[in-house]
N, C-alpha and C. Protein backbone atom coordinates (compact mmCIF):
# COMPACT_ATOMS: atom_id res chain seq x y z
N MET A 1 207.18 11.64 47.46
CA MET A 1 207.21 10.76 46.32
C MET A 1 206.10 9.72 46.48
N THR A 2 205.51 9.36 45.38
CA THR A 2 204.39 8.42 45.46
C THR A 2 204.87 7.00 45.31
N ASP A 3 204.16 6.09 45.95
CA ASP A 3 204.52 4.68 45.87
C ASP A 3 203.72 3.95 44.80
N THR A 4 202.86 4.62 44.12
CA THR A 4 202.04 3.98 43.09
C THR A 4 202.74 4.07 41.74
N VAL A 5 202.49 3.04 40.93
CA VAL A 5 203.08 2.98 39.60
C VAL A 5 201.93 2.96 38.60
N ASN A 6 202.14 3.62 37.52
CA ASN A 6 201.13 3.67 36.48
C ASN A 6 200.83 2.24 35.99
N SER A 7 199.59 1.91 35.80
CA SER A 7 199.20 0.56 35.38
C SER A 7 199.71 0.25 33.98
N GLN A 8 199.89 1.24 33.13
CA GLN A 8 200.43 1.00 31.79
C GLN A 8 201.89 0.55 31.87
N VAL A 9 202.63 1.10 32.81
CA VAL A 9 204.03 0.70 32.98
C VAL A 9 204.11 -0.74 33.46
N THR A 10 203.30 -1.09 34.42
CA THR A 10 203.33 -2.47 34.92
C THR A 10 202.87 -3.46 33.85
N ASP A 11 201.88 -3.06 33.05
CA ASP A 11 201.43 -3.93 31.95
C ASP A 11 202.55 -4.12 30.93
N TYR A 12 203.25 -3.03 30.61
CA TYR A 12 204.35 -3.10 29.65
C TYR A 12 205.47 -4.02 30.17
N LEU A 13 205.83 -3.88 31.45
CA LEU A 13 206.88 -4.72 32.02
C LEU A 13 206.45 -6.18 32.08
N THR A 14 205.22 -6.43 32.42
CA THR A 14 204.71 -7.81 32.46
C THR A 14 204.74 -8.42 31.07
N HIS A 15 204.32 -7.65 30.09
CA HIS A 15 204.33 -8.13 28.71
C HIS A 15 205.76 -8.41 28.24
N THR A 16 206.69 -7.52 28.56
CA THR A 16 208.09 -7.69 28.16
C THR A 16 208.70 -8.93 28.84
N ASN A 17 208.45 -9.10 30.12
CA ASN A 17 208.97 -10.27 30.83
C ASN A 17 208.41 -11.56 30.26
N THR A 18 207.11 -11.56 29.97
CA THR A 18 206.48 -12.74 29.39
C THR A 18 207.06 -13.04 28.02
N SER A 19 207.27 -11.99 27.25
CA SER A 19 207.85 -12.16 25.91
C SER A 19 209.26 -12.72 25.99
N ILE A 20 210.06 -12.20 26.90
CA ILE A 20 211.44 -12.68 27.05
C ILE A 20 211.45 -14.12 27.53
N LEU A 21 210.63 -14.42 28.52
CA LEU A 21 210.60 -15.78 29.04
C LEU A 21 210.05 -16.76 28.02
N GLY A 22 209.21 -16.30 27.12
CA GLY A 22 208.65 -17.18 26.09
C GLY A 22 209.61 -17.47 24.96
N THR A 23 210.48 -16.52 24.63
CA THR A 23 211.39 -16.72 23.50
C THR A 23 212.74 -17.28 23.90
N THR A 24 213.06 -17.24 25.17
CA THR A 24 214.39 -17.69 25.60
C THR A 24 214.65 -19.17 25.29
N PRO A 25 213.73 -20.10 25.56
CA PRO A 25 214.02 -21.50 25.24
C PRO A 25 214.25 -21.72 23.74
N ALA A 26 213.47 -21.06 22.91
CA ALA A 26 213.64 -21.23 21.47
C ALA A 26 214.99 -20.68 21.01
N GLN A 27 215.40 -19.55 21.56
CA GLN A 27 216.69 -18.97 21.19
C GLN A 27 217.85 -19.84 21.66
N SER A 28 217.71 -20.41 22.84
CA SER A 28 218.81 -21.25 23.34
C SER A 28 218.91 -22.54 22.54
N ILE A 29 217.78 -23.13 22.18
CA ILE A 29 217.82 -24.33 21.34
C ILE A 29 218.38 -23.98 19.96
N GLY A 30 218.01 -22.82 19.45
CA GLY A 30 218.56 -22.37 18.16
C GLY A 30 220.07 -22.23 18.23
N SER A 31 220.57 -21.69 19.32
CA SER A 31 222.02 -21.57 19.49
C SER A 31 222.69 -22.93 19.57
N VAL A 32 222.06 -23.86 20.27
CA VAL A 32 222.61 -25.22 20.36
C VAL A 32 222.67 -25.86 18.98
N TYR A 33 221.60 -25.73 18.20
CA TYR A 33 221.59 -26.29 16.85
C TYR A 33 222.65 -25.65 15.97
N GLN A 34 222.83 -24.35 16.11
CA GLN A 34 223.82 -23.65 15.30
C GLN A 34 225.23 -24.12 15.64
N VAL A 35 225.53 -24.26 16.92
CA VAL A 35 226.86 -24.72 17.35
C VAL A 35 227.08 -26.16 16.90
N THR A 36 226.05 -26.99 17.02
CA THR A 36 226.17 -28.38 16.60
C THR A 36 226.42 -28.48 15.10
N GLY A 37 225.69 -27.71 14.33
CA GLY A 37 225.89 -27.70 12.89
C GLY A 37 227.28 -27.22 12.50
N GLN A 38 227.76 -26.22 13.19
CA GLN A 38 229.11 -25.69 12.90
C GLN A 38 230.17 -26.74 13.21
N SER A 39 230.04 -27.42 14.34
CA SER A 39 231.06 -28.42 14.70
C SER A 39 231.01 -29.61 13.75
N ILE A 40 229.82 -30.01 13.32
CA ILE A 40 229.73 -31.12 12.37
C ILE A 40 230.34 -30.72 11.03
N SER A 41 230.08 -29.50 10.59
CA SER A 41 230.65 -29.07 9.31
C SER A 41 232.18 -28.97 9.38
N LEU A 42 232.72 -28.55 10.52
CA LEU A 42 234.18 -28.51 10.67
C LEU A 42 234.77 -29.93 10.66
N ASN A 43 234.07 -30.88 11.29
CA ASN A 43 234.53 -32.26 11.25
C ASN A 43 234.51 -32.82 9.83
N MET A 44 233.48 -32.50 9.07
CA MET A 44 233.42 -32.96 7.68
C MET A 44 234.53 -32.32 6.84
N GLN A 45 234.81 -31.05 7.09
CA GLN A 45 235.88 -30.39 6.37
C GLN A 45 237.22 -31.03 6.71
N ASN A 46 237.43 -31.37 7.98
CA ASN A 46 238.65 -32.06 8.39
C ASN A 46 238.77 -33.41 7.70
N ALA A 47 237.68 -34.15 7.66
CA ALA A 47 237.70 -35.47 7.02
C ALA A 47 238.04 -35.36 5.54
N MET A 48 237.47 -34.37 4.87
CA MET A 48 237.77 -34.19 3.45
C MET A 48 239.23 -33.78 3.24
N SER A 49 239.76 -32.98 4.14
CA SER A 49 241.16 -32.56 4.04
C SER A 49 242.10 -33.76 4.21
N VAL A 50 241.78 -34.61 5.19
CA VAL A 50 242.58 -35.82 5.40
C VAL A 50 242.49 -36.74 4.19
N GLN A 51 241.28 -36.88 3.65
CA GLN A 51 241.09 -37.74 2.48
C GLN A 51 241.89 -37.21 1.29
N ASN A 52 241.92 -35.90 1.12
CA ASN A 52 242.69 -35.30 0.03
C ASN A 52 244.18 -35.57 0.22
N GLY A 53 244.66 -35.43 1.45
CA GLY A 53 246.06 -35.70 1.73
C GLY A 53 246.43 -37.16 1.45
N MET A 54 245.53 -38.07 1.85
CA MET A 54 245.79 -39.50 1.59
C MET A 54 245.78 -39.79 0.09
N GLN A 55 244.94 -39.10 -0.66
CA GLN A 55 244.92 -39.30 -2.11
C GLN A 55 246.22 -38.81 -2.74
N GLN A 56 246.78 -37.72 -2.24
CA GLN A 56 248.06 -37.24 -2.75
C GLN A 56 249.18 -38.22 -2.44
N ILE A 57 249.16 -38.79 -1.24
CA ILE A 57 250.16 -39.81 -0.88
C ILE A 57 250.00 -41.03 -1.77
N ASN A 58 248.76 -41.44 -2.01
CA ASN A 58 248.49 -42.59 -2.87
C ASN A 58 249.03 -42.37 -4.27
N THR A 59 248.82 -41.18 -4.81
CA THR A 59 249.32 -40.87 -6.15
C THR A 59 250.85 -40.92 -6.18
N ALA A 60 251.49 -40.40 -5.16
CA ALA A 60 252.95 -40.42 -5.11
C ALA A 60 253.48 -41.84 -5.02
N VAL A 61 252.84 -42.68 -4.21
CA VAL A 61 253.29 -44.07 -4.07
C VAL A 61 253.13 -44.83 -5.39
N ILE A 62 252.01 -44.63 -6.06
CA ILE A 62 251.78 -45.30 -7.34
C ILE A 62 252.80 -44.83 -8.37
N SER A 63 253.11 -43.54 -8.39
CA SER A 63 254.10 -43.02 -9.34
C SER A 63 255.47 -43.64 -9.09
N ILE A 64 255.86 -43.73 -7.82
CA ILE A 64 257.17 -44.33 -7.49
C ILE A 64 257.19 -45.81 -7.85
N ALA A 65 256.09 -46.51 -7.60
CA ALA A 65 256.03 -47.94 -7.94
C ALA A 65 256.12 -48.13 -9.45
N CYS A 66 255.42 -47.30 -10.21
CA CYS A 66 255.49 -47.41 -11.68
C CYS A 66 256.89 -47.12 -12.19
N ARG A 67 257.53 -46.11 -11.60
CA ARG A 67 258.91 -45.80 -12.01
C ARG A 67 259.83 -46.98 -11.71
N GLY A 68 259.63 -47.60 -10.54
CA GLY A 68 260.45 -48.76 -10.20
C GLY A 68 260.24 -49.92 -11.15
N ILE A 69 259.00 -50.15 -11.55
CA ILE A 69 258.70 -51.24 -12.48
C ILE A 69 259.35 -50.96 -13.83
N VAL A 70 259.19 -49.74 -14.34
CA VAL A 70 259.77 -49.39 -15.64
C VAL A 70 261.29 -49.48 -15.58
N THR A 71 261.90 -49.00 -14.51
CA THR A 71 263.35 -49.03 -14.38
C THR A 71 263.85 -50.46 -14.30
N SER A 72 263.17 -51.31 -13.56
CA SER A 72 263.63 -52.71 -13.45
C SER A 72 263.45 -53.44 -14.77
N GLN A 73 262.41 -53.13 -15.53
CA GLN A 73 262.24 -53.77 -16.83
C GLN A 73 263.31 -53.32 -17.80
N GLN A 74 263.67 -52.04 -17.74
CA GLN A 74 264.73 -51.55 -18.61
C GLN A 74 266.07 -52.17 -18.24
N SER A 75 266.35 -52.28 -16.94
CA SER A 75 267.62 -52.87 -16.54
C SER A 75 267.66 -54.35 -16.85
N ASN A 76 266.53 -55.05 -16.73
CA ASN A 76 266.49 -56.48 -17.08
C ASN A 76 266.71 -56.67 -18.57
N SER A 77 266.09 -55.84 -19.40
CA SER A 77 266.28 -55.98 -20.85
C SER A 77 267.71 -55.63 -21.23
N THR A 78 268.32 -54.66 -20.57
CA THR A 78 269.71 -54.32 -20.84
C THR A 78 270.63 -55.46 -20.43
N THR A 79 270.36 -56.05 -19.28
CA THR A 79 271.17 -57.17 -18.80
C THR A 79 271.04 -58.37 -19.73
N GLU A 80 269.84 -58.64 -20.20
CA GLU A 80 269.63 -59.76 -21.12
C GLU A 80 270.33 -59.51 -22.45
N ALA A 81 270.29 -58.28 -22.94
CA ALA A 81 270.97 -57.95 -24.21
C ALA A 81 272.47 -58.12 -24.07
N LEU A 82 273.03 -57.70 -22.94
CA LEU A 82 274.47 -57.88 -22.72
C LEU A 82 274.82 -59.35 -22.61
N ALA A 83 273.98 -60.12 -21.97
CA ALA A 83 274.25 -61.55 -21.83
C ALA A 83 274.24 -62.23 -23.19
N ARG A 84 273.32 -61.84 -24.06
CA ARG A 84 273.28 -62.43 -25.40
C ARG A 84 274.54 -62.07 -26.18
N LYS A 85 275.02 -60.86 -26.02
CA LYS A 85 276.25 -60.45 -26.72
C LYS A 85 277.44 -61.23 -26.19
N VAL A 86 277.50 -61.46 -24.91
CA VAL A 86 278.62 -62.21 -24.33
C VAL A 86 278.58 -63.65 -24.83
N ASP A 87 277.37 -64.23 -24.96
CA ASP A 87 277.26 -65.60 -25.46
C ASP A 87 277.75 -65.71 -26.90
N ARG A 88 277.67 -64.66 -27.66
CA ARG A 88 278.08 -64.69 -29.06
C ARG A 88 279.58 -64.48 -29.22
N LEU A 89 280.24 -64.05 -28.18
CA LEU A 89 281.67 -63.80 -28.27
C LEU A 89 282.40 -65.15 -28.46
N PRO A 90 283.43 -65.14 -29.31
CA PRO A 90 284.20 -66.38 -29.47
C PRO A 90 285.03 -66.67 -28.22
N ASP A 91 285.26 -67.92 -27.98
CA ASP A 91 286.03 -68.32 -26.79
C ASP A 91 287.49 -68.04 -26.97
């Protein structure tokens, strides 16, 4: 068996190694940017989901407060009407 290697094979391997070593930093930085972008977008989606939930709670609280105001005004007007009727009753 011969110990010599064809010069075309060694040139091809040298070129491939150089190519791999040249593109590896760019690919790794690209992966870092992609992961960072994905995590930021998930955080923004979480924030929007929380904001939506708080808006639903806010709407429910306002609805309950409005119902309480309307109910208390109706009961106050009913109480006042009954009081006026009682005042008109003969002794």
